C-alpha atoms as a PDB file:
ATOM      1  CA  UNK A   1       0.146   0.222  -0.129  1.00  0.00           C
ATOM      2  CA  UNK A   2       1.197   3.397  -0.835  1.00  0.00           C
ATOM      3  CA  UNK A   3       2.138   5.579   2.232  1.00  0.00           C
ATOM      4  CA  UNK A   4       0.737   9.028   2.135  1.00  0.00           C
ATOM      5  CA  UNK A   5       3.676  11.428   1.337  1.00  0.00           C
ATOM      6  CA  UNK A   6       3.241  15.212   0.936  1.00  0.00           C
ATOM      7  CA  UNK A   7       4.480  16.883  -2.187  1.00  0.00           C
ATOM      8  CA  UNK A   8       7.356  19.194  -1.314  1.00  0.00           C
ATOM      9  CA  UNK A   9       7.057  22.724  -2.548  1.00  0.00           C
ATOM     10  CA  UNK A  10       8.619  22.985  -6.237  1.00  0.00           C
ATOM     11  CA  UNK A  11       8.749  25.599  -8.953  1.00  0.00           C
ATOM     12  CA  UNK A  12       6.089  25.307 -11.095  1.00  0.00           C
ATOM     13  CA  UNK A  13       7.021  23.368 -14.073  1.00  0.00           C
ATOM     14  CA  UNK A  14       5.914  23.467 -17.840  1.00  0.00           C
ATOM     15  CA  UNK A  15       3.540  20.659 -19.014  1.00  0.00           C
ATOM     16  CA  UNK A  16       6.318  19.610 -21.595  1.00  0.00           C
ATOM     17  CA  UNK A  17       8.503  18.852 -18.559  1.00  0.00           C
ATOM     18  CA  UNK A  18       6.642  15.699 -17.993  1.00  0.00           C
ATOM     19  CA  UNK A  19       6.995  14.424 -21.716  1.00  0.00           C
ATOM     20  CA  UNK A  20      10.680  15.002 -21.369  1.00  0.00           C
ATOM     21  CA  UNK A  21      11.007  12.735 -18.343  1.00  0.00           C
ATOM     22  CA  UNK A  22       8.416   9.978 -19.970  1.00  0.00           C
ATOM     23  CA  UNK A  23       7.703  10.765 -23.422  1.00  0.00           C
ATOM     24  CA  UNK A  24       5.902   7.282 -23.796  1.00  0.00           C
ATOM     25  CA  UNK A  25       3.705   7.629 -20.846  1.00  0.00           C
ATOM     26  CA  UNK A  26       0.179   6.029 -21.475  1.00  0.00           C
ATOM     27  CA  UNK A  27      -2.628   7.504 -18.966  1.00  0.00           C
ATOM     28  CA  UNK A  28      -6.318   6.107 -18.926  1.00  0.00           C
ATOM     29  CA  UNK A  29      -8.625   8.880 -17.759  1.00  0.00           C
ATOM     30  CA  UNK A  30     -11.595   7.289 -16.150  1.00  0.00           C
ATOM     31  CA  UNK A  31     -14.458   9.257 -15.646  1.00  0.00           C
ATOM     32  CA  UNK A  32     -18.428   9.308 -16.586  1.00  0.00           C
ATOM     33  CA  UNK A  33     -18.499  12.820 -16.965  1.00  0.00           C
ATOM     34  CA  UNK A  34     -17.581  14.419 -20.746  1.00  0.00           C
ATOM     35  CA  UNK A  35     -16.966  17.811 -19.355  1.00  0.00           C
ATOM     36  CA  UNK A  36     -14.407  16.566 -16.771  1.00  0.00           C
ATOM     37  CA  UNK A  37     -12.620  14.237 -19.459  1.00  0.00           C
ATOM     38  CA  UNK A  38     -11.964  17.216 -21.757  1.00  0.00           C
ATOM     39  CA  UNK A  39     -11.036  19.337 -19.132  1.00  0.00           C
ATOM     40  CA  UNK A  40      -8.380  16.736 -17.976  1.00  0.00           C
ATOM     41  CA  UNK A  41      -7.131  16.260 -21.647  1.00  0.00           C
ATOM     42  CA  UNK A  42      -6.441  19.989 -21.984  1.00  0.00           C
ATOM     43  CA  UNK A  43      -4.286  20.142 -18.571  1.00  0.00           C
ATOM     44  CA  UNK A  44      -2.463  16.798 -19.416  1.00  0.00           C
ATOM     45  CA  UNK A  45      -2.202  16.667 -22.959  1.00  0.00           C
ATOM     46  CA  UNK A  46      -1.226  20.309 -24.488  1.00  0.00           C
ATOM     47  CA  UNK A  47      -0.420  20.265 -28.280  1.00  0.00           C
ATOM     48  CA  UNK A  48       2.945  18.523 -29.031  1.00  0.00           C
ATOM     49  CA  UNK A  49       2.996  16.768 -25.599  1.00  0.00           C
ATOM     50  CA  UNK A  50       3.105  13.142 -27.177  1.00  0.00           C
ATOM     51  CA  UNK A  51       1.227  11.733 -24.544  1.00  0.00           C
ATOM     52  CA  UNK A  52      -0.978   8.825 -25.141  1.00  0.00           C
ATOM     53  CA  UNK A  53      -4.359   9.218 -23.652  1.00  0.00           C
ATOM     54  CA  UNK A  54      -7.302   6.769 -23.658  1.00  0.00           C
ATOM     55  CA  UNK A  55     -10.521   7.735 -22.132  1.00  0.00           C
ATOM     56  CA  UNK A  56     -13.160   5.244 -20.257  1.00  0.00           C
ATOM     57  CA  UNK A  57     -16.799   6.169 -19.122  1.00  0.00           C
ATOM     58  CA  UNK A  58     -17.256   3.530 -16.660  1.00  0.00           C
ATOM     59  CA  UNK A  59     -15.190   1.102 -14.436  1.00  0.00           C
ATOM     60  CA  UNK A  60     -16.140  -1.938 -16.451  1.00  0.00           C
ATOM     61  CA  UNK A  61     -15.055  -0.234 -19.608  1.00  0.00           C
ATOM     62  CA  UNK A  62     -11.734   0.724 -18.090  1.00  0.00           C
ATOM     63  CA  UNK A  63     -10.908  -2.728 -17.347  1.00  0.00           C
ATOM     64  CA  UNK A  64     -11.469  -3.759 -20.570  1.00  0.00           C
ATOM     65  CA  UNK A  65      -9.177  -1.309 -22.047  1.00  0.00           C
ATOM     66  CA  UNK A  66      -6.620  -2.408 -19.449  1.00  0.00           C
ATOM     67  CA  UNK A  67      -6.761  -5.766 -20.754  1.00  0.00           C
ATOM     68  CA  UNK A  68      -6.518  -4.606 -24.416  1.00  0.00           C
ATOM     69  CA  UNK A  69      -4.007  -1.822 -24.038  1.00  0.00           C
ATOM     70  CA  UNK A  70      -0.653  -1.144 -22.241  1.00  0.00           C
ATOM     71  CA  UNK A  71      -1.343   1.286 -19.205  1.00  0.00           C
ATOM     72  CA  UNK A  72       1.159   3.131 -17.475  1.00  0.00           C
ATOM     73  CA  UNK A  73      -0.992   5.468 -15.067  1.00  0.00           C
ATOM     74  CA  UNK A  74      -4.884   5.555 -14.369  1.00  0.00           C
ATOM     75  CA  UNK A  75      -6.424   8.429 -13.503  1.00  0.00           C
ATOM     76  CA  UNK A  76      -9.806   7.173 -11.513  1.00  0.00           C
ATOM     77  CA  UNK A  77     -12.814   9.266 -10.286  1.00  0.00           C
ATOM     78  CA  UNK A  78     -14.405   7.856  -7.405  1.00  0.00           C
ATOM     79  CA  UNK A  79     -17.947   8.666  -7.945  1.00  0.00           C
ATOM     80  CA  UNK A  80     -18.971   6.742 -10.801  1.00  0.00           C
ATOM     81  CA  UNK A  81     -22.265   4.731 -11.779  1.00  0.00           C
ATOM     82  CA  UNK A  82     -22.280   1.039 -11.391  1.00  0.00           C
ATOM     83  CA  UNK A  83     -18.748   0.137 -10.417  1.00  0.00           C
ATOM     84  CA  UNK A  84     -17.417   2.747  -8.119  1.00  0.00           C
ATOM     85  CA  UNK A  85     -13.992   3.889  -8.122  1.00  0.00           C
ATOM     86  CA  UNK A  86     -12.662   2.190  -4.861  1.00  0.00           C
ATOM     87  CA  UNK A  87     -13.942  -1.199  -6.468  1.00  0.00           C
ATOM     88  CA  UNK A  88     -12.182  -0.342  -9.739  1.00  0.00           C
ATOM     89  CA  UNK A  89      -9.443   0.520  -7.858  1.00  0.00           C
ATOM     90  CA  UNK A  90      -9.153  -2.836  -5.955  1.00  0.00           C
ATOM     91  CA  UNK A  91      -9.467  -4.645  -9.306  1.00  0.00           C
ATOM     92  CA  UNK A  92      -6.798  -2.779 -11.210  1.00  0.00           C
ATOM     93  CA  UNK A  93      -4.471  -3.545  -8.368  1.00  0.00           C
ATOM     94  CA  UNK A  94      -5.555  -7.173  -8.342  1.00  0.00           C
ATOM     95  CA  UNK A  95      -5.327  -7.630 -12.171  1.00  0.00           C
ATOM     96  CA  UNK A  96      -2.739  -4.716 -13.136  1.00  0.00           C
ATOM     97  CA  UNK A  97      -0.388  -4.819 -10.353  1.00  0.00           C
ATOM     98  CA  UNK A  98       2.090  -2.645 -12.678  1.00  0.00           C
ATOM     99  CA  UNK A  99      -0.558  -0.067 -13.341  1.00  0.00           C
ATOM    100  CA  UNK A 100      -0.071   3.047 -11.090  1.00  0.00           C
ATOM    101  CA  UNK A 101      -3.362   4.707  -9.982  1.00  0.00           C
ATOM    102  CA  UNK A 102      -3.876   8.421  -9.081  1.00  0.00           C
ATOM    103  CA  UNK A 103      -7.312   9.143  -7.717  1.00  0.00           C
ATOM    104  CA  UNK A 104      -9.167  12.224  -8.538  1.00  0.00           C
ATOM    105  CA  UNK A 105     -12.139  12.921  -6.099  1.00  0.00           C
ATOM    106  CA  UNK A 106     -14.426  15.540  -5.247  1.00  0.00           C
ATOM    107  CA  UNK A 107     -14.399  14.542  -1.786  1.00  0.00           C
ATOM    108  CA  UNK A 108     -11.997  16.198   0.417  1.00  0.00           C
ATOM    109  CA  UNK A 109     -12.355  14.528   3.850  1.00  0.00           C
ATOM    110  CA  UNK A 110      -9.538  12.098   5.004  1.00  0.00           C
ATOM    111  CA  UNK A 111     -12.042   9.058   5.083  1.00  0.00           C
ATOM    112  CA  UNK A 112     -12.203   8.840   1.400  1.00  0.00           C
ATOM    113  CA  UNK A 113      -8.546   9.285   0.999  1.00  0.00           C
ATOM    114  CA  UNK A 114      -7.724   6.724   3.536  1.00  0.00           C
ATOM    115  CA  UNK A 115     -10.067   4.231   1.910  1.00  0.00           C
ATOM    116  CA  UNK A 116      -8.411   4.805  -1.280  1.00  0.00           C
ATOM    117  CA  UNK A 117      -4.700   4.344  -0.060  1.00  0.00           C
ATOM    118  CA  UNK A 118      -5.908   1.289   1.515  1.00  0.00           C
ATOM    119  CA  UNK A 119      -7.393  -0.062  -1.668  1.00  0.00           C
ATOM    120  CA  UNK A 120      -3.920   0.317  -3.243  1.00  0.00           C
ATOM    121  CA  UNK A 121      -4.177   4.015  -4.584  1.00  0.00           C
ATOM    122  CA  UNK A 122      -0.641   5.629  -5.376  1.00  0.00           C
ATOM    123  CA  UNK A 123      -1.873   9.181  -4.959  1.00  0.00           C
ATOM    124  CA  UNK A 124      -5.227  10.925  -4.157  1.00  0.00           C
ATOM    125  CA  UNK A 125      -6.009  14.557  -5.283  1.00  0.00           C
ATOM    126  CA  UNK A 126      -9.414  16.523  -5.141  1.00  0.00           C
ATOM    127  CA  UNK A 127     -10.818  18.116  -8.170  1.00  0.00           C
ATOM    128  CA  UNK A 128     -10.414  21.786  -7.043  1.00  0.00           C
ATOM    129  CA  UNK A 129      -6.621  21.547  -7.194  1.00  0.00           C
ATOM    130  CA  UNK A 130      -4.697  23.828  -9.707  1.00  0.00           C
ATOM    131  CA  UNK A 131      -3.839  22.323 -13.056  1.00  0.00           C
ATOM    132  CA  UNK A 132      -0.292  22.958 -12.349  1.00  0.00           C
ATOM    133  CA  UNK A 133      -0.549  20.658  -9.242  1.00  0.00           C
ATOM    134  CA  UNK A 134      -2.182  17.873 -11.051  1.00  0.00           C
ATOM    135  CA  UNK A 135       0.498  17.726 -13.427  1.00  0.00           C
ATOM    136  CA  UNK A 136       2.918  17.514 -10.719  1.00  0.00           C
ATOM    137  CA  UNK A 137       0.901  14.585  -9.147  1.00  0.00           C
ATOM    138  CA  UNK A 138       0.580  12.560 -12.287  1.00  0.00           C
ATOM    139  CA  UNK A 139       4.285  12.930 -12.801  1.00  0.00           C
ATOM    140  CA  UNK A 140       5.053  11.993  -9.160  1.00  0.00           C
ATOM    141  CA  UNK A 141       2.954   8.856  -9.394  1.00  0.00           C
ATOM    142  CA  UNK A 142       3.908   8.043 -12.857  1.00  0.00           C
ATOM    143  CA  UNK A 143       7.811   7.997 -11.911  1.00  0.00           C
ATOM    144  CA  UNK A 144       6.740   5.608  -8.913  1.00  0.00           C
ATOM    145  CA  UNK A 145       6.050   7.982  -6.137  1.00  0.00           C
ATOM    146  CA  UNK A 146       3.219   8.798  -3.925  1.00  0.00           C
ATOM    147  CA  UNK A 147       1.384  11.905  -3.991  1.00  0.00           C
ATOM    148  CA  UNK A 148      -1.576  13.613  -1.617  1.00  0.00           C
ATOM    149  CA  UNK A 149      -1.869  17.420  -1.301  1.00  0.00           C
ATOM    150  CA  UNK A 150      -0.349  18.838   2.040  1.00  0.00           C
ATOM    151  CA  UNK A 151      -3.819  19.695   3.580  1.00  0.00           C
ATOM    152  CA  UNK A 152      -5.293  16.516   2.976  1.00  0.00           C
ATOM    153  CA  UNK A 153      -1.916  14.852   4.226  1.00  0.00           C
ATOM    154  CA  UNK A 154      -2.349  16.347   7.523  1.00  0.00           C
ATOM    155  CA  UNK A 155      -5.989  15.273   8.092  1.00  0.00           C
ATOM    156  CA  UNK A 156      -4.923  11.690   6.968  1.00  0.00           C
ATOM    157  CA  UNK A 157      -2.136  11.503   9.580  1.00  0.00           C
ATOM    158  CA  UNK A 158      -4.287  12.847  12.417  1.00  0.00           C
ATOM    159  CA  UNK A 159      -6.856  10.018  11.613  1.00  0.00           C
ATOM    160  CA  UNK A 160      -3.806   7.515  11.320  1.00  0.00           C
ATOM    161  CA  UNK A 161      -2.503   8.556  14.787  1.00  0.00           C
ATOM    162  CA  UNK A 162      -5.629   8.112  16.657  1.00  0.00           C
ATOM    163  CA  UNK A 163      -9.159   8.548  15.152  1.00  0.00           C
ATOM    164  CA  UNK A 164     -10.340   9.648  18.606  1.00  0.00           C
ATOM    165  CA  UNK A 165     -14.040  11.039  18.160  1.00  0.00           C
ATOM    166  CA  UNK A 166     -14.115   9.682  14.549  1.00  0.00           C
ATOM    167  CA  UNK A 167     -17.769   9.440  13.378  1.00  0.00           C
ATOM    168  CA  UNK A 168     -19.820   6.556  13.283  1.00  0.00           C
ATOM    169  CA  UNK A 169     -19.685   6.119   9.475  1.00  0.00           C
ATOM    170  CA  UNK A 170     -15.993   5.663   9.544  1.00  0.00           C
ATOM    171  CA  UNK A 171     -16.756   2.149  10.850  1.00  0.00           C
ATOM    172  CA  UNK A 172     -18.492   1.215   7.714  1.00  0.00           C
ATOM    173  CA  UNK A 173     -16.910  -1.097   5.216  1.00  0.00           C
ATOM    174  CA  UNK A 174     -16.542   0.273   1.750  1.00  0.00           C
ATOM    175  CA  UNK A 175     -19.569  -1.726   0.528  1.00  0.00           C
ATOM    176  CA  UNK A 176     -21.626  -0.551   3.206  1.00  0.00           C
ATOM    177  CA  UNK A 177     -20.818   3.142   2.804  1.00  0.00           C
ATOM    178  CA  UNK A 178     -21.469   2.545  -1.195  1.00  0.00           C
ATOM    179  CA  UNK A 179     -24.891   1.084  -0.024  1.00  0.00           C
ATOM    180  CA  UNK A 180     -25.555   4.132   2.608  1.00  0.00           C
ATOM    181  CA  UNK A 181     -24.609   6.863  -0.201  1.00  0.00           C
ATOM    182  CA  UNK A 182     -27.097   5.323  -2.949  1.00  0.00           C
ATOM    183  CA  UNK A 183     -29.895   5.044   0.009  1.00  0.00           C
ATOM    184  CA  UNK A 184     -29.400   8.691   0.447  1.00  0.00           C
ATOM    185  CA  UNK A 185     -29.618   9.406  -3.056  1.00  0.00           C
ATOM    186  CA  UNK A 186     -32.926   8.004  -3.027  1.00  0.00           C
ATOM    187  CA  UNK A 187     -32.190   4.664  -4.874  1.00  0.00           C
ATOM    188  CA  UNK A 188     -34.635   1.715  -3.733  1.00  0.00           C
ATOM    189  CA  UNK A 189     -33.011  -1.351  -2.532  1.00  0.00           C
ATOM    190  CA  UNK A 190     -33.852  -3.208  -5.868  1.00  0.00           C
ATOM    191  CA  UNK A 191     -32.030  -0.699  -7.851  1.00  0.00           C
ATOM    192  CA  UNK A 192     -29.011  -0.858  -5.564  1.00  0.00           C
ATOM    193  CA  UNK A 193     -29.061  -4.488  -6.020  1.00  0.00           C
ATOM    194  CA  UNK A 194     -29.222  -4.090  -9.814  1.00  0.00           C
ATOM    195  CA  UNK A 195     -26.396  -1.443  -9.778  1.00  0.00           C
ATOM    196  CA  UNK A 196     -24.229  -3.486  -7.771  1.00  0.00           C
ATOM    197  CA  UNK A 197     -24.944  -7.042  -9.051  1.00  0.00           C
ATOM    198  CA  UNK A 198     -26.125  -8.005  -5.427  1.00  0.00           C
ATOM    199  CA  UNK A 199     -29.408  -9.617  -4.377  1.00  0.00           C
ATOM    200  CA  UNK A 200     -32.258  -7.465  -2.724  1.00  0.00           C
ATOM    201  CA  UNK A 201     -31.819  -9.743   0.337  1.00  0.00           C
ATOM    202  CA  UNK A 202     -28.033  -8.935   0.387  1.00  0.00           C
ATOM    203  CA  UNK A 203     -28.725  -5.106   0.353  1.00  0.00           C
ATOM    204  CA  UNK A 204     -31.318  -5.469   2.907  1.00  0.00           C
ATOM    205  CA  UNK A 205     -28.677  -7.212   4.958  1.00  0.00           C
ATOM    206  CA  UNK A 206     -26.111  -4.513   4.438  1.00  0.00           C
ATOM    207  CA  UNK A 207     -28.872  -2.002   5.233  1.00  0.00           C
ATOM    208  CA  UNK A 208     -29.563  -3.504   8.506  1.00  0.00           C
ATOM    209  CA  UNK A 209     -25.860  -3.601   9.639  1.00  0.00           C
ATOM    210  CA  UNK A 210     -25.486   0.193   8.533  1.00  0.00           C
ATOM    211  CA  UNK A 211     -28.315   0.946  10.818  1.00  0.00           C
ATOM    212  CA  UNK A 212     -26.493  -0.795  13.575  1.00  0.00           C
ATOM    213  CA  UNK A 213     -23.275   0.746  13.130  1.00  0.00           C
ATOM    214  CA  UNK A 214     -24.810   4.302  12.658  1.00  0.00           C
ATOM    215  CA  UNK A 215     -27.354   3.854  15.644  1.00  0.00           C
ATOM    216  CA  UNK A 216     -30.344   4.661  13.718  1.00  0.00           C
ATOM    217  CA  UNK A 217     -33.543   2.858  13.707  1.00  0.00           C
ATOM    218  CA  UNK A 218     -35.270   3.776  10.116  1.00  0.00           C
ATOM    219  CA  UNK A 219     -34.513   4.669   6.485  1.00  0.00           C
ATOM    220  CA  UNK A 220     -35.436   8.662   7.578  1.00  0.00           C
ATOM    221  CA  UNK A 221     -32.867   8.597  10.427  1.00  0.00           C
ATOM    222  CA  UNK A 222     -30.179   6.715   7.978  1.00  0.00           C
ATOM    223  CA  UNK A 223     -30.608   9.611   5.311  1.00  0.00           C
ATOM    224  CA  UNK A 224     -30.486  12.355   7.638  1.00  0.00           C
ATOM    225  CA  UNK A 225     -27.693  10.917   9.220  1.00  0.00           C
ATOM    226  CA  UNK A 226     -25.810  10.674   5.335  1.00  0.00           C
ATOM    227  CA  UNK A 227     -26.847  14.378   4.779  1.00  0.00           C
ATOM    228  CA  UNK A 228     -25.635  15.951   7.941  1.00  0.00           C
ATOM    229  CA  UNK A 229     -22.357  14.172   7.584  1.00  0.00           C
ATOM    230  CA  UNK A 230     -21.838  14.987   4.251  1.00  0.00           C
ATOM    231  CA  UNK A 231     -21.708  11.657   2.979  1.00  0.00           C
ATOM    232  CA  UNK A 232     -25.002  11.888   0.758  1.00  0.00           C
ATOM    233  CA  UNK A 233     -23.323  12.211  -2.566  1.00  0.00           C
ATOM    234  CA  UNK A 234     -23.032   8.530  -3.645  1.00  0.00           C
ATOM    235  CA  UNK A 235     -19.823   6.846  -4.669  1.00  0.00           C
ATOM    236  CA  UNK A 236     -21.845   5.894  -7.542  1.00  0.00           C
ATOM    237  CA  UNK A 237     -23.365   8.774  -9.795  1.00  0.00           C
ATOM    238  CA  UNK A 238     -27.029   9.022  -9.968  1.00  0.00           C
ATOM    239  CA  UNK A 239     -27.153  10.386 -13.261  1.00  0.00           C
ATOM    240  CA  UNK A 240     -26.466   8.118 -16.466  1.00  0.00           C
ATOM    241  CA  UNK A 241     -22.658   8.699 -17.692  1.00  0.00           C
ATOM    242  CA  UNK A 242     -22.096  10.885 -20.612  1.00  0.00           C
ATOM    243  CA  UNK A 243     -21.313   9.041 -23.756  1.00  0.00           C
ATOM    244  CA  UNK A 244     -18.377  10.040 -26.094  1.00  0.00           C
ATOM    245  CA  UNK A 245     -20.007  11.566 -29.269  1.00  0.00           C
END
């Protein structure tokens, strides 16, 4: 597992600096929103960069690409429909252990970074970072290092050194957190079962364990807890993925 290491201050580097270091770098961008992928391509693949960029809309599509092409680094979003980013991350590290993975997430809370690193991530950045920092993160991870922003690293270290009054939902497994977020997004148990390829009985069992761990007695309290603790945004998006034209 990658240990969390903060990137040291550095002078801003031109995007072409990455190409000089590794002109044959093959990147896989995994995000279900076209506008996000287009933005990433503008940052990571300026004219003349020579990088090879491949796009995937879903986790399943990403795995198909990885089985067919040689990829050096996958830039993975956590919030995707169907197979969420954490599940995709675990499968990449199991099937393609040499592929480096940088997680790009909307979640700035340390619990998500911790879960990502435990699943095998080599780096974790949030979508509000500057373009130059994203380039630095890709360069660090692609060269075999680890990356996490300084502010998030401090939160992660505090959590690792002693969670203390950590919220109840930190006790949830990744699957339970996924189910909780989908319930909070308004998905019925049958829908969640279809999305996660689980039986309704299994989803119901997850829901029961979640309620026990969060000390709530019904669905309304479960949803309220999710919103009050800023975990209502599902790891699996409620909207269908954008498809390339």
